[in-house]
Amino acid sequence: MKKTSIVLIVIIALIVIIGITCIGSYNSMVTKEEKIESSLSNLDVMLQRRSDLIPNLVNTVKGYISHENEVIDKITKARENLVNANSISEKSKANNELTDSLNALMLVVENYPDLKSSANFTQLSDELAGTENRIAVARKDYNDAVNEFNTMIKKFPKSILANIFGFDKKEYFEADDTSKEVPNVKFE
């Protein structure tokens, strides 16, 4: 009887230890997944802020460069794509298109000294630059959260629990190859 009691106590202790470990692992995966969602939400806020600034910038520019419609149309289309993007890859692609379009706009702007000296344009450009910096920070925070989560669910034994509970690898917010090129913007 004593032997069976000891074996039973050991089995119960092992079950409790495994249960506590599983609960802790599950909770840490939930916490990391929520951090990703929060980081994505912050990134979306910054992308929306940039999207909200762009119509004002475009309208300011339109007053000065009415014959540069191609650049303005590209910005408008890229902004629309970003606003309508749903997945991380769509948002990333649309963000890159918008960045390229804005870089093209800045190249055109350098030919218009009156526009560059406009207080409204300068203010909007400064706000846009600040927003671009916030986007970079938000994107880094999101990608860091994704990295932590993806690393955690790949490590043993959490990889087993991640599969059991349906935790899947998350997608990074990536820049495309053209965004690695330095834009050639000259302010004279």
Protein backbone atom coordinates (compact mmCIF):
# COMPACT_ATOMS: atom_id res chain seq x y z
CA MET A 1 0.00 0.00 0.00
CA LYS A 2 2.82 2.41 0.81
CA LYS A 3 4.51 1.78 -2.55
CA THR A 4 1.31 2.47 -4.47
CA SER A 5 0.74 5.67 -2.51
CA ILE A 6 4.23 6.92 -3.30
CA VAL A 7 3.86 6.03 -6.99
CA LEU A 8 0.46 7.73 -7.08
CA ILE A 9 1.86 10.87 -5.40
CA VAL A 10 4.78 10.98 -7.87
CA ILE A 11 2.40 10.59 -10.83
CA ILE A 12 0.10 13.33 -9.50
CA ALA A 13 3.12 15.61 -8.88
CA LEU A 14 4.36 15.04 -12.46
CA ILE A 15 0.90 15.79 -13.87
CA VAL A 16 0.71 19.00 -11.81
CA ILE A 17 4.21 20.09 -12.90
CA ILE A 18 3.45 19.37 -16.57
CA GLY A 19 0.08 21.15 -16.24
CA ILE A 20 1.66 24.25 -14.69
CA THR A 21 4.36 24.27 -17.39
CA CYS A 22 1.75 23.98 -20.15
CA ILE A 23 -0.36 26.77 -18.66
CA GLY A 24 2.70 29.03 -18.30
CA SER A 25 3.80 28.32 -21.86
CA TYR A 26 0.32 28.92 -23.24
CA ASN A 27 0.02 32.20 -21.36
CA SER A 28 3.41 33.41 -22.59
CA MET A 29 2.42 32.62 -26.20
CA VAL A 30 -0.85 34.54 -25.74
CA THR A 31 1.06 37.49 -24.25
CA LYS A 32 3.55 37.58 -27.14
CA GLU A 33 0.76 37.28 -29.69
CA GLU A 34 -1.07 40.20 -28.07
CA LYS A 35 2.15 42.23 -28.18
CA ILE A 36 2.25 41.62 -31.94
CA GLU A 37 -1.36 42.77 -32.29
CA SER A 38 -0.63 45.89 -30.25
CA SER A 39 2.49 46.66 -32.29
CA LEU A 40 0.56 46.17 -35.52
CA SER A 41 -2.14 48.50 -34.28
CA ASN A 42 0.48 51.17 -33.50
CA LEU A 43 1.98 50.70 -36.95
CA ASP A 44 -1.46 51.03 -38.53
CA VAL A 45 -2.01 54.30 -36.64
CA MET A 46 1.25 55.71 -38.03
CA LEU A 47 0.44 54.54 -41.55
CA GLN A 48 -3.00 56.13 -41.26
CA ARG A 49 -1.45 59.37 -40.01
CA ARG A 50 0.79 59.45 -43.06
CA SER A 51 -2.17 58.68 -45.31
CA ASP A 52 -4.08 61.55 -43.72
CA LEU A 53 -1.21 64.01 -44.30
CA ILE A 54 -0.73 63.12 -47.94
CA PRO A 55 -3.92 64.71 -49.39
CA ASN A 56 -2.93 68.04 -47.79
CA LEU A 57 0.58 67.75 -49.19
CA VAL A 58 -0.74 66.79 -52.63
CA ASN A 59 -3.20 69.70 -52.65
CA THR A 60 -0.43 72.12 -51.70
CA VAL A 61 1.78 70.77 -54.46
CA LYS A 62 -1.04 70.80 -57.03
CA GLY A 63 -1.31 74.55 -56.69
CA TYR A 64 2.27 74.94 -57.85
CA ILE A 65 2.84 72.10 -60.31
CA SER A 66 -0.35 71.51 -62.19
CA HIS A 67 1.39 69.77 -65.11
CA GLU A 68 3.00 67.04 -62.93
CA ASN A 69 -0.16 64.95 -62.75
CA GLU A 70 1.59 61.60 -63.18
CA VAL A 71 3.45 61.92 -59.87
CA ILE A 72 0.32 63.08 -58.06
CA ASP A 73 -1.73 60.24 -59.53
CA LYS A 74 0.87 57.70 -58.39
CA ILE A 75 0.77 59.09 -54.86
CA THR A 76 -3.02 59.05 -54.79
CA LYS A 77 -3.15 55.45 -56.04
CA ALA A 78 -0.43 54.30 -53.64
CA ARG A 79 -2.22 55.99 -50.71
CA GLU A 80 -5.48 54.29 -51.68
CA ASN A 81 -3.70 50.92 -51.84
CA LEU A 82 -2.30 51.47 -48.35
CA VAL A 83 -5.66 52.45 -46.89
CA ASN A 84 -7.32 49.38 -48.45
CA ALA A 85 -4.55 46.91 -47.53
CA ASN A 86 -5.60 44.13 -45.16
CA SER A 87 -2.72 41.69 -44.75
CA ILE A 88 0.79 42.47 -43.56
CA SER A 89 2.23 41.74 -47.01
CA GLU A 90 -0.35 44.03 -48.68
CA LYS A 91 0.41 46.80 -46.19
CA SER A 92 4.13 46.35 -46.66
CA LYS A 93 3.86 46.46 -50.46
CA ALA A 94 1.52 49.48 -50.41
CA ASN A 95 3.79 51.26 -47.93
CA ASN A 96 6.75 50.72 -50.23
CA GLU A 97 4.79 52.02 -53.24
CA LEU A 98 3.79 55.11 -51.30
CA THR A 99 7.35 55.74 -50.16
CA ASP A 100 8.59 55.47 -53.75
CA SER A 101 5.87 57.85 -54.95
CA LEU A 102 6.70 60.39 -52.24
CA ASN A 103 10.38 60.19 -53.16
CA ALA A 104 9.43 60.90 -56.78
CA LEU A 105 7.39 63.90 -55.59
CA MET A 106 10.36 65.28 -53.68
CA LEU A 107 12.46 65.02 -56.83
CA VAL A 108 9.86 67.04 -58.72
CA VAL A 109 9.56 69.61 -55.92
CA GLU A 110 13.21 70.58 -56.19
CA ASN A 111 12.40 72.23 -59.55
CA TYR A 112 9.93 74.62 -57.86
CA PRO A 113 11.68 77.08 -55.52
CA ASP A 114 8.41 78.87 -54.70
CA LEU A 115 6.90 75.59 -53.55
CA LYS A 116 9.93 74.67 -51.45
CA SER A 117 9.75 78.03 -49.69
CA SER A 118 5.99 77.79 -49.05
CA ALA A 119 5.32 77.67 -45.30
CA ASN A 120 2.44 75.24 -45.81
CA PHE A 121 4.59 72.85 -47.87
CA THR A 122 7.45 73.09 -45.38
CA GLN A 123 5.16 72.35 -42.45
CA LEU A 124 3.55 69.39 -44.20
CA SER A 125 6.95 68.06 -45.29
CA ASP A 126 8.22 68.30 -41.72
CA GLU A 127 5.13 66.51 -40.37
CA LEU A 128 5.52 63.83 -43.02
CA ALA A 129 9.21 63.37 -42.15
CA GLY A 130 8.32 63.03 -38.46
CA THR A 131 5.63 60.51 -39.33
CA GLU A 132 8.09 58.55 -41.46
CA ASN A 133 10.36 58.30 -38.42
CA ARG A 134 7.46 57.12 -36.27
CA ILE A 135 6.58 54.53 -38.91
CA ALA A 136 10.16 53.25 -38.86
CA VAL A 137 10.04 52.88 -35.06
CA ALA A 138 6.59 51.24 -35.14
CA ARG A 139 7.73 48.84 -37.88
CA LYS A 140 10.82 47.91 -35.85
CA ASP A 141 8.70 47.34 -32.73
CA TYR A 142 6.29 45.16 -34.70
CA ASN A 143 9.09 43.13 -36.30
CA ASP A 144 10.80 42.71 -32.90
CA ALA A 145 7.54 41.38 -31.43
CA VAL A 146 7.13 39.00 -34.38
CA ASN A 147 10.72 37.83 -33.97
CA GLU A 148 10.20 37.09 -30.24
CA PHE A 149 6.97 35.21 -30.93
CA ASN A 150 8.28 33.21 -33.90
CA THR A 151 11.44 32.27 -31.99
CA MET A 152 9.40 31.18 -28.97
CA ILE A 153 7.01 28.94 -30.92
CA LYS A 154 9.89 27.28 -32.77
CA LYS A 155 11.76 26.26 -29.60
CA PHE A 156 11.19 22.90 -27.98
CA PRO A 157 8.94 22.11 -26.05
CA LYS A 158 6.84 25.19 -26.81
CA SER A 159 6.79 24.21 -30.48
CA ILE A 160 4.67 21.18 -29.53
CA LEU A 161 2.28 23.29 -27.49
CA ALA A 162 2.14 25.94 -30.24
CA ASN A 163 1.04 23.26 -32.69
CA ILE A 164 -1.51 21.85 -30.26
CA PHE A 165 -3.02 25.27 -29.51
CA GLY A 166 -2.82 26.54 -33.09
CA PHE A 167 -0.22 29.31 -32.72
CA ASP A 168 1.20 29.99 -36.18
CA LYS A 169 4.27 31.87 -37.33
CA LYS A 170 3.60 35.59 -37.86
CA GLU A 171 4.59 37.61 -40.93
CA TYR A 172 7.21 40.37 -40.80
CA PHE A 173 6.57 43.88 -42.16
CA GLU A 174 9.29 43.96 -44.78
CA ALA A 175 10.69 46.56 -47.10
CA ASP A 176 11.14 45.68 -50.75
CA ASP A 177 14.47 45.88 -52.56
CA THR A 178 13.78 49.30 -54.12
CA SER A 179 13.31 50.88 -50.70
CA LYS A 180 16.95 50.07 -49.91
CA GLU A 181 18.08 52.51 -52.58
CA VAL A 182 18.91 55.96 -51.29
CA PRO A 183 16.70 58.60 -52.94
CA ASN A 184 18.51 61.40 -54.71
CA VAL A 185 16.74 64.47 -53.32
CA LYS A 186 18.45 67.84 -53.63
CA PHE A 187 17.21 70.99 -51.98
CA GLU A 188 18.90 74.02 -53.46
